N, C-alpha and C. Protein backbone atom coordinates (compact mmCIF):
# COMPACT_ATOMS: atom_id res chain seq x y z
N UNK A 1 131.81 103.74 115.58
CA UNK A 1 132.82 104.72 115.87
C UNK A 1 132.82 104.96 117.37
N UNK A 2 133.98 104.85 118.00
CA UNK A 2 134.04 105.07 119.44
C UNK A 2 133.86 106.54 119.76
N UNK A 3 133.51 106.80 121.02
CA UNK A 3 133.25 108.19 121.43
C UNK A 3 134.50 109.04 121.26
N UNK A 4 135.66 108.51 121.68
CA UNK A 4 136.90 109.28 121.58
C UNK A 4 137.26 109.55 120.12
N UNK A 5 137.10 108.54 119.27
CA UNK A 5 137.38 108.72 117.85
C UNK A 5 136.43 109.74 117.23
N UNK A 6 135.16 109.71 117.64
CA UNK A 6 134.19 110.69 117.14
C UNK A 6 134.58 112.10 117.55
N UNK A 7 135.01 112.26 118.80
CA UNK A 7 135.41 113.57 119.27
C UNK A 7 136.66 114.05 118.54
N UNK A 8 137.60 113.14 118.31
CA UNK A 8 138.82 113.51 117.57
C UNK A 8 138.46 113.92 116.14
N UNK A 9 137.53 113.18 115.52
CA UNK A 9 137.10 113.48 114.16
C UNK A 9 136.48 114.87 114.10
N UNK A 10 135.58 115.16 115.03
CA UNK A 10 134.91 116.47 115.04
C UNK A 10 135.92 117.59 115.29
N UNK A 11 136.85 117.37 116.22
CA UNK A 11 137.85 118.40 116.52
C UNK A 11 138.76 118.63 115.32
N UNK A 12 139.13 117.56 114.64
CA UNK A 12 140.02 117.70 113.47
C UNK A 12 139.33 118.49 112.36
N UNK A 13 138.06 118.19 112.13
CA UNK A 13 137.33 118.92 111.10
C UNK A 13 137.23 120.39 111.49
N UNK A 14 136.89 120.65 112.75
CA UNK A 14 136.74 122.02 113.21
C UNK A 14 138.04 122.79 113.04
N UNK A 15 139.15 122.23 113.47
CA UNK A 15 140.43 122.92 113.39
C UNK A 15 140.90 123.11 111.96
N UNK A 16 140.68 122.11 111.12
CA UNK A 16 141.17 122.17 109.75
C UNK A 16 140.41 123.18 108.89
N UNK A 17 139.16 123.39 109.21
CA UNK A 17 138.33 124.22 108.35
C UNK A 17 137.85 125.51 109.02
N UNK A 18 138.41 125.83 110.16
CA UNK A 18 137.94 126.98 110.93
C UNK A 18 137.99 128.27 110.12
N UNK A 19 139.06 128.49 109.40
CA UNK A 19 139.22 129.76 108.69
C UNK A 19 138.89 129.64 107.20
N UNK A 20 138.36 128.50 106.77
CA UNK A 20 138.15 128.28 105.34
C UNK A 20 137.05 129.19 104.78
N UNK A 21 135.97 129.34 105.52
CA UNK A 21 134.86 130.12 105.03
C UNK A 21 134.58 131.27 105.99
N UNK A 22 134.12 132.36 105.44
CA UNK A 22 133.66 133.46 106.26
C UNK A 22 132.15 133.38 106.37
N UNK A 23 131.65 133.80 107.50
CA UNK A 23 130.21 133.83 107.70
C UNK A 23 129.65 134.98 106.86
N UNK A 24 128.75 134.67 105.97
CA UNK A 24 128.15 135.69 105.12
C UNK A 24 126.66 135.71 105.35
N UNK A 25 126.13 136.91 105.43
CA UNK A 25 124.69 137.08 105.60
C UNK A 25 124.13 137.79 104.39
N UNK A 26 122.92 137.44 104.09
CA UNK A 26 122.24 138.09 102.97
C UNK A 26 121.81 139.49 103.38
N UNK A 27 121.94 140.43 102.46
CA UNK A 27 121.49 141.79 102.73
C UNK A 27 120.01 141.94 102.36
N UNK A 28 119.44 140.89 101.81
CA UNK A 28 118.04 140.95 101.40
C UNK A 28 117.14 140.68 102.61
N UNK A 29 116.17 141.53 102.82
CA UNK A 29 115.24 141.34 103.93
C UNK A 29 113.81 141.40 103.41
N UNK A 30 113.54 140.64 102.37
CA UNK A 30 112.22 140.68 101.74
C UNK A 30 111.33 139.53 102.19
N UNK A 31 111.70 138.83 103.23
CA UNK A 31 110.94 137.68 103.70
C UNK A 31 109.67 138.18 104.41
N UNK A 32 108.50 137.82 103.88
CA UNK A 32 107.24 138.28 104.45
C UNK A 32 106.59 137.23 105.34
N UNK A 33 107.24 136.10 105.54
CA UNK A 33 106.68 135.06 106.38
C UNK A 33 106.73 135.49 107.84
N UNK A 34 105.86 134.90 108.68
CA UNK A 34 105.92 135.21 110.10
C UNK A 34 107.29 134.83 110.67
N UNK A 35 107.75 135.60 111.63
CA UNK A 35 109.06 135.34 112.21
C UNK A 35 108.96 134.12 113.13
N UNK A 36 109.80 133.15 112.85
CA UNK A 36 109.87 131.95 113.68
C UNK A 36 111.25 131.90 114.32
N UNK A 37 111.34 131.27 115.47
CA UNK A 37 112.67 131.15 116.10
C UNK A 37 113.63 130.42 115.16
N UNK A 38 114.80 130.94 115.06
CA UNK A 38 115.81 130.34 114.19
C UNK A 38 117.02 129.98 115.04
N UNK A 39 117.51 128.78 114.83
CA UNK A 39 118.70 128.32 115.54
C UNK A 39 119.83 128.21 114.53
N UNK A 40 120.89 128.96 114.75
CA UNK A 40 122.05 128.88 113.86
C UNK A 40 122.91 127.71 114.31
N UNK A 41 123.21 126.83 113.37
CA UNK A 41 124.02 125.64 113.63
C UNK A 41 125.06 125.55 112.52
N UNK A 42 126.28 125.24 112.91
CA UNK A 42 127.35 125.07 111.93
C UNK A 42 127.50 123.58 111.62
N UNK A 43 127.37 123.24 110.34
CA UNK A 43 127.50 121.85 109.92
C UNK A 43 128.86 121.67 109.24
N UNK A 44 129.66 120.77 109.78
CA UNK A 44 130.92 120.38 109.15
C UNK A 44 130.68 119.08 108.42
N UNK A 45 131.23 118.97 107.22
CA UNK A 45 131.08 117.74 106.46
C UNK A 45 132.42 117.35 105.87
N UNK A 46 132.63 116.06 105.78
CA UNK A 46 133.89 115.53 105.26
C UNK A 46 133.64 114.17 104.63
N UNK A 47 134.30 113.90 103.52
CA UNK A 47 134.17 112.61 102.86
C UNK A 47 135.40 111.77 103.18
N UNK A 48 135.15 110.66 103.84
CA UNK A 48 136.24 109.76 104.24
C UNK A 48 135.86 108.34 103.85
N UNK A 49 136.69 107.71 103.05
CA UNK A 49 136.46 106.32 102.67
C UNK A 49 135.13 106.08 101.97
N UNK A 50 134.70 107.01 101.14
CA UNK A 50 133.46 106.83 100.39
C UNK A 50 132.20 107.24 101.14
N UNK A 51 132.33 107.64 102.39
CA UNK A 51 131.18 108.09 103.19
C UNK A 51 131.31 109.56 103.52
N UNK A 52 130.19 110.25 103.55
CA UNK A 52 130.12 111.63 104.02
C UNK A 52 129.78 111.58 105.50
N UNK A 53 130.55 112.29 106.32
CA UNK A 53 130.30 112.41 107.75
C UNK A 53 129.97 113.86 108.05
N UNK A 54 128.91 114.07 108.83
CA UNK A 54 128.51 115.43 109.21
C UNK A 54 128.43 115.53 110.72
N UNK A 55 129.00 116.61 111.23
CA UNK A 55 128.92 116.93 112.66
C UNK A 55 128.33 118.33 112.76
N UNK A 56 127.63 118.59 113.84
CA UNK A 56 126.92 119.86 114.00
C UNK A 56 127.37 120.54 115.29
N UNK A 57 127.53 121.86 115.21
CA UNK A 57 127.99 122.64 116.36
C UNK A 57 127.02 123.78 116.62
N UNK A 58 126.79 124.06 117.90
CA UNK A 58 125.91 125.14 118.32
C UNK A 58 126.45 126.47 117.81
N UNK A 59 125.58 127.29 117.24
CA UNK A 59 125.99 128.57 116.66
C UNK A 59 126.46 129.59 117.67
N UNK A 60 126.02 129.47 118.93
CA UNK A 60 126.45 130.43 119.95
C UNK A 60 127.81 130.06 120.52
N UNK A 61 128.04 128.77 120.69
CA UNK A 61 129.32 128.29 121.21
C UNK A 61 129.82 127.20 120.27
N UNK A 62 130.74 127.55 119.44
CA UNK A 62 131.21 126.57 118.45
C UNK A 62 131.98 125.41 119.07
N UNK A 63 132.27 125.50 120.36
CA UNK A 63 132.96 124.40 121.04
C UNK A 63 131.99 123.28 121.39
N UNK A 64 130.69 123.57 121.35
CA UNK A 64 129.68 122.60 121.76
C UNK A 64 129.20 121.82 120.55
N UNK A 65 129.60 120.55 120.48
CA UNK A 65 129.14 119.69 119.38
C UNK A 65 127.82 119.08 119.79
N UNK A 66 126.86 119.13 118.90
CA UNK A 66 125.55 118.57 119.17
C UNK A 66 125.62 117.04 119.07
N UNK A 67 124.78 116.33 119.82
CA UNK A 67 124.89 114.86 119.88
C UNK A 67 124.68 114.14 118.55
N UNK A 68 123.79 114.63 117.70
CA UNK A 68 123.47 113.92 116.47
C UNK A 68 124.57 114.10 115.44
N UNK A 69 124.99 112.99 114.86
CA UNK A 69 125.91 113.00 113.72
C UNK A 69 125.28 112.12 112.64
N UNK A 70 125.62 112.40 111.41
CA UNK A 70 125.08 111.59 110.32
C UNK A 70 126.20 111.14 109.40
N UNK A 71 125.97 110.01 108.75
CA UNK A 71 126.91 109.48 107.76
C UNK A 71 126.10 108.87 106.63
N UNK A 72 126.56 109.07 105.41
CA UNK A 72 125.86 108.52 104.25
C UNK A 72 126.83 108.49 103.08
N UNK A 73 126.44 107.78 102.01
CA UNK A 73 127.29 107.63 100.83
C UNK A 73 126.99 108.65 99.74
N UNK A 74 125.75 109.01 99.55
CA UNK A 74 125.31 109.80 98.41
C UNK A 74 125.59 111.30 98.60
N UNK A 75 126.33 111.88 97.68
CA UNK A 75 126.68 113.31 97.74
C UNK A 75 125.44 114.20 97.68
N UNK A 76 124.40 113.75 97.01
CA UNK A 76 123.19 114.57 96.90
C UNK A 76 122.56 114.82 98.27
N UNK A 77 122.85 113.98 99.26
CA UNK A 77 122.31 114.18 100.60
C UNK A 77 122.86 115.46 101.23
N UNK A 78 124.10 115.83 100.91
CA UNK A 78 124.68 117.08 101.43
C UNK A 78 123.83 118.25 100.94
N UNK A 79 123.53 118.25 99.65
CA UNK A 79 122.73 119.33 99.08
C UNK A 79 121.32 119.34 99.68
N UNK A 80 120.75 118.15 99.91
CA UNK A 80 119.42 118.06 100.51
C UNK A 80 119.43 118.62 101.94
N UNK A 81 120.45 118.28 102.71
CA UNK A 81 120.54 118.78 104.08
C UNK A 81 120.69 120.29 104.11
N UNK A 82 121.47 120.82 103.20
CA UNK A 82 121.68 122.27 103.12
C UNK A 82 120.37 122.98 102.75
N UNK A 83 119.63 122.41 101.83
CA UNK A 83 118.36 123.00 101.43
C UNK A 83 117.35 122.94 102.57
N UNK A 84 117.24 121.79 103.23
CA UNK A 84 116.29 121.65 104.33
C UNK A 84 116.68 122.51 105.53
N UNK A 85 117.98 122.76 105.69
CA UNK A 85 118.46 123.54 106.81
C UNK A 85 118.50 125.03 106.55
N UNK A 86 117.91 125.47 105.44
CA UNK A 86 117.90 126.90 105.10
C UNK A 86 119.28 127.53 105.22
N UNK A 87 120.23 126.91 104.56
CA UNK A 87 121.62 127.36 104.63
C UNK A 87 121.77 128.78 104.13
N UNK A 88 122.78 129.44 104.63
CA UNK A 88 123.05 130.83 104.27
C UNK A 88 123.85 130.87 102.96
N UNK A 89 123.13 130.71 101.86
CA UNK A 89 123.74 130.68 100.53
C UNK A 89 123.11 131.74 99.62
N UNK A 90 122.86 132.93 100.15
CA UNK A 90 122.17 133.97 99.38
C UNK A 90 123.04 134.52 98.26
N UNK A 91 124.33 134.66 98.48
CA UNK A 91 125.18 135.24 97.45
C UNK A 91 125.76 134.15 96.54
N UNK A 92 126.11 134.54 95.33
CA UNK A 92 126.70 133.57 94.40
C UNK A 92 128.07 133.12 94.89
N UNK A 93 128.80 134.00 95.58
CA UNK A 93 130.10 133.61 96.14
C UNK A 93 129.95 132.51 97.17
N UNK A 94 128.94 132.63 98.02
CA UNK A 94 128.71 131.61 99.05
C UNK A 94 128.34 130.28 98.42
N UNK A 95 127.51 130.30 97.39
CA UNK A 95 127.15 129.06 96.69
C UNK A 95 128.37 128.44 96.02
N UNK A 96 129.20 129.28 95.43
CA UNK A 96 130.41 128.79 94.76
C UNK A 96 131.37 128.16 95.77
N UNK A 97 131.54 128.81 96.93
CA UNK A 97 132.40 128.25 97.98
C UNK A 97 131.88 126.92 98.47
N UNK A 98 130.54 126.83 98.65
CA UNK A 98 129.96 125.58 99.12
C UNK A 98 130.18 124.47 98.09
N UNK A 99 129.90 124.75 96.83
CA UNK A 99 130.11 123.73 95.79
C UNK A 99 131.57 123.32 95.70
N UNK A 100 132.47 124.25 95.87
CA UNK A 100 133.89 123.95 95.87
C UNK A 100 134.26 123.03 97.04
N UNK A 101 133.70 123.32 98.21
CA UNK A 101 133.97 122.49 99.39
C UNK A 101 133.46 121.07 99.19
N UNK A 102 132.28 120.93 98.60
CA UNK A 102 131.75 119.59 98.32
C UNK A 102 132.68 118.88 97.34
N UNK A 103 133.17 119.59 96.34
CA UNK A 103 134.10 119.01 95.38
C UNK A 103 135.41 118.55 96.01
N UNK A 104 135.88 119.32 97.00
CA UNK A 104 137.10 118.94 97.73
C UNK A 104 136.87 117.79 98.69
N UNK A 105 135.61 117.63 99.10
CA UNK A 105 135.29 116.55 100.03
C UNK A 105 135.28 116.98 101.49
N UNK A 106 135.33 118.27 101.76
CA UNK A 106 135.25 118.73 103.15
C UNK A 106 134.91 120.21 103.19
N UNK A 107 134.20 120.61 104.24
CA UNK A 107 133.84 122.00 104.40
C UNK A 107 132.88 122.20 105.54
N UNK A 108 132.33 123.41 105.61
CA UNK A 108 131.35 123.73 106.64
C UNK A 108 130.38 124.75 106.09
N UNK A 109 129.20 124.81 106.71
CA UNK A 109 128.18 125.75 106.28
C UNK A 109 127.24 126.04 107.45
N UNK A 110 126.78 127.28 107.49
CA UNK A 110 125.82 127.68 108.51
C UNK A 110 124.42 127.29 108.08
N UNK A 111 123.67 126.67 109.02
CA UNK A 111 122.28 126.33 108.80
C UNK A 111 121.40 127.17 109.72
N UNK A 112 120.18 127.43 109.29
CA UNK A 112 119.20 128.14 110.11
C UNK A 112 118.04 127.17 110.33
N UNK A 113 118.00 126.58 111.50
CA UNK A 113 117.06 125.50 111.78
C UNK A 113 115.85 125.97 112.57
N UNK A 114 114.74 125.28 112.36
CA UNK A 114 113.54 125.51 113.15
C UNK A 114 113.71 124.83 114.51
N UNK A 115 112.76 125.07 115.41
CA UNK A 115 112.81 124.42 116.73
C UNK A 115 112.81 122.90 116.59
N UNK A 116 111.98 122.37 115.70
CA UNK A 116 111.89 120.92 115.52
C UNK A 116 113.19 120.33 114.98
N UNK A 117 113.79 121.00 114.00
CA UNK A 117 115.04 120.51 113.44
C UNK A 117 116.15 120.53 114.49
N UNK A 118 116.23 121.60 115.26
CA UNK A 118 117.25 121.70 116.30
C UNK A 118 117.03 120.61 117.37
N UNK A 119 115.78 120.37 117.73
CA UNK A 119 115.49 119.32 118.71
C UNK A 119 115.96 117.96 118.22
N UNK A 120 115.83 117.72 116.92
CA UNK A 120 116.31 116.45 116.35
C UNK A 120 117.81 116.32 116.51
N UNK A 121 118.55 117.40 116.29
CA UNK A 121 120.01 117.34 116.44
C UNK A 121 120.44 117.20 117.90
N UNK A 122 119.58 117.61 118.80
CA UNK A 122 119.90 117.51 120.23
C UNK A 122 119.70 116.10 120.78
N UNK A 123 119.04 115.25 120.01
CA UNK A 123 118.80 113.87 120.45
C UNK A 123 119.85 112.94 119.86
N UNK A 124 120.40 112.11 120.70
CA UNK A 124 121.37 111.14 120.22
C UNK A 124 120.64 109.85 119.86
N UNK A 125 121.00 109.28 118.73
CA UNK A 125 120.39 108.01 118.29
C UNK A 125 121.04 106.88 119.08
N UNK A 126 120.24 106.00 119.62
CA UNK A 126 120.76 104.86 120.37
C UNK A 126 121.45 103.91 119.41
N UNK A 127 122.63 103.43 119.83
CA UNK A 127 123.42 102.56 118.95
C UNK A 127 122.96 101.14 119.00
């Protein structure tokens, strides 16, 4: 995928799905684990030609696309990425919206990443 095509793809996903979901936070604060730095990242996903494409955007500035992008065939990988990324799916409505977006083949979701996970997204894979 050329750089310009990649940028157009990410921009199209961002514009098409900007208002689709509202950011929802859990009202539950029962987490007793030590507080670790959390990086909010918005993951856009879209199924095109049998492949899932994911692009990631910085949570502070949604205009900043992170260098790492992923593509894969298996739908279960979307669910795995969401689970590993500690996605904000506390309410049943949020889970329902996410499942609906996967069924449609496109959507976005907020992830809460650790320092190591965020560092991985900041590195571009050599082609």
